[in-house]
């Protein structure tokens, strides 16, 4: 004797089992969407991290070359160096009879060199 299953076949199930099945399906669906949401969030974070790493890599390469700008201390140091170069050119153009002026400017030049060295040390820190 075999049972025939067709569109008119009736199935009886206790209400308690039916409620348990519905609750289990709801919990499984909730867990699936929770895991899916968390996975999408992690993928988004990974993509943002990859973009930040690429930008950091570009910065790491271009900053020392001066392609992305310069520090204010660098600009100040460049101005001081240009000033020193102008003073040296003036000294070279003076006659030797101006030796006392040369000595005074040499002392002044030494002070400028010390300032440049301190600025370089500060920029390195």
Protein backbone atom coordinates (compact mmCIF):
# COMPACT_ATOMS: atom_id res chain seq x y z
CA UNK A 1 0.00 0.00 0.00
CA UNK A 2 1.60 3.23 -1.09
CA UNK A 3 0.39 6.72 -0.41
CA UNK A 4 -0.41 8.78 -3.41
CA UNK A 5 0.55 12.44 -3.26
CA UNK A 6 -1.35 14.90 -5.38
CA UNK A 7 -2.78 18.43 -5.14
CA UNK A 8 -5.58 17.19 -2.97
CA UNK A 9 -3.39 15.44 -0.39
CA UNK A 10 -3.89 16.77 3.11
CA UNK A 11 -1.11 17.14 5.65
CA UNK A 12 -1.82 17.53 9.32
CA UNK A 13 0.75 19.13 11.57
CA UNK A 14 0.41 20.22 15.15
CA UNK A 15 0.18 23.99 15.61
CA UNK A 16 3.14 23.93 17.99
CA UNK A 17 5.39 22.41 15.28
CA UNK A 18 4.12 24.89 12.67
CA UNK A 19 4.92 27.86 14.96
CA UNK A 20 8.39 26.38 15.65
CA UNK A 21 9.07 26.05 11.92
CA UNK A 22 7.96 29.64 11.25
CA UNK A 23 10.14 30.97 14.10
CA UNK A 24 13.13 28.95 12.88
CA UNK A 25 12.71 30.35 9.36
CA UNK A 26 12.49 33.92 10.79
CA UNK A 27 15.66 33.42 12.87
CA UNK A 28 17.53 31.96 9.89
CA UNK A 29 16.44 34.86 7.66
CA UNK A 30 17.43 37.41 10.28
CA UNK A 31 20.84 35.76 10.75
CA UNK A 32 21.40 35.67 6.97
CA UNK A 33 20.68 39.37 6.52
CA UNK A 34 22.73 40.26 9.59
CA UNK A 35 25.74 38.37 8.23
CA UNK A 36 25.22 39.89 4.78
CA UNK A 37 25.10 43.43 6.19
CA UNK A 38 28.23 42.86 8.25
CA UNK A 39 30.08 41.42 5.26
CA UNK A 40 29.14 44.41 3.07
CA UNK A 41 30.35 46.78 5.79
CA UNK A 42 33.69 44.97 6.00
CA UNK A 43 34.07 45.09 2.21
CA UNK A 44 33.36 48.83 2.26
CA UNK A 45 35.97 49.38 4.99
CA UNK A 46 38.51 47.31 3.05
CA UNK A 47 37.89 49.41 -0.08
CA UNK A 48 38.35 52.64 1.90
CA UNK A 49 41.58 51.26 3.39
CA UNK A 50 42.90 50.37 -0.07
CA UNK A 51 42.16 53.91 -1.28
CA UNK A 52 43.91 55.39 1.77
CA UNK A 53 46.92 53.13 1.26
CA UNK A 54 47.18 54.18 -2.39
CA UNK A 55 46.96 57.87 -1.43
CA UNK A 56 49.54 57.37 1.33
CA UNK A 57 51.87 55.64 -1.10
CA UNK A 58 51.55 58.54 -3.55
CA UNK A 59 52.20 61.03 -0.73
CA UNK A 60 55.21 59.04 0.49
CA UNK A 61 56.81 59.20 -2.94
CA UNK A 62 55.88 62.73 -4.02
CA UNK A 63 56.37 64.69 -0.76
CA UNK A 64 60.17 64.28 -0.52
CA UNK A 65 60.47 65.28 -4.18
CA UNK A 66 58.58 68.50 -3.50
CA UNK A 67 55.77 67.62 -5.91
CA UNK A 68 53.05 68.06 -3.25
CA UNK A 69 54.23 71.30 -1.67
CA UNK A 70 56.71 72.33 0.96
CA UNK A 71 56.75 73.03 4.66
CA UNK A 72 56.68 76.66 5.82
CA UNK A 73 60.06 76.06 7.47
CA UNK A 74 61.45 75.02 4.07
CA UNK A 75 60.18 78.21 2.47
CA UNK A 76 61.75 80.29 5.25
CA UNK A 77 65.01 78.40 4.93
CA UNK A 78 65.03 78.99 1.17
CA UNK A 79 64.55 82.73 1.74
CA UNK A 80 67.43 82.77 4.22
CA UNK A 81 69.69 80.95 1.78
CA UNK A 82 68.81 83.39 -1.01
CA UNK A 83 69.61 86.28 1.33
CA UNK A 84 72.98 84.72 2.14
CA UNK A 85 73.74 84.23 -1.53
CA UNK A 86 73.01 87.91 -2.22
CA UNK A 87 75.27 88.98 0.63
CA UNK A 88 78.08 86.76 -0.64
CA UNK A 89 77.75 88.24 -4.13
CA UNK A 90 77.96 91.74 -2.62
CA UNK A 91 81.09 90.73 -0.74
CA UNK A 92 82.71 89.39 -3.88
CA UNK A 93 82.07 92.67 -5.68
CA UNK A 94 83.60 94.88 -2.96
CA UNK A 95 87.18 96.05 -3.28
CA UNK A 96 89.79 94.71 -0.87
CA UNK A 97 90.01 98.13 0.84
CA UNK A 98 86.70 97.31 2.51
CA UNK A 99 88.28 94.60 4.69
CA UNK A 100 86.71 95.82 7.98
CA UNK A 101 83.27 95.56 6.35
CA UNK A 102 84.11 92.08 5.14
CA UNK A 103 85.06 90.99 8.65
CA UNK A 104 81.81 92.42 10.03
CA UNK A 105 79.79 90.68 7.33
CA UNK A 106 81.65 87.42 7.91
CA UNK A 107 80.54 87.43 11.53
CA UNK A 108 77.01 88.23 10.36
CA UNK A 109 77.22 85.45 7.78
CA UNK A 110 78.26 82.98 10.48
CA UNK A 111 75.18 83.95 12.50
CA UNK A 112 72.98 83.29 9.45
CA UNK A 113 74.59 79.92 8.89
CA UNK A 114 73.89 78.96 12.51
CA UNK A 115 70.24 79.97 12.05
CA UNK A 116 69.97 77.86 8.89
CA UNK A 117 71.47 74.86 10.68
CA UNK A 118 68.98 75.25 13.56
CA UNK A 119 66.10 75.49 11.09
CA UNK A 120 67.29 72.37 9.29
CA UNK A 121 67.47 70.49 12.59
CA UNK A 122 63.97 71.71 13.50
CA UNK A 123 62.61 70.63 10.10
CA UNK A 124 64.15 67.17 10.46
CA UNK A 125 62.48 66.72 13.87
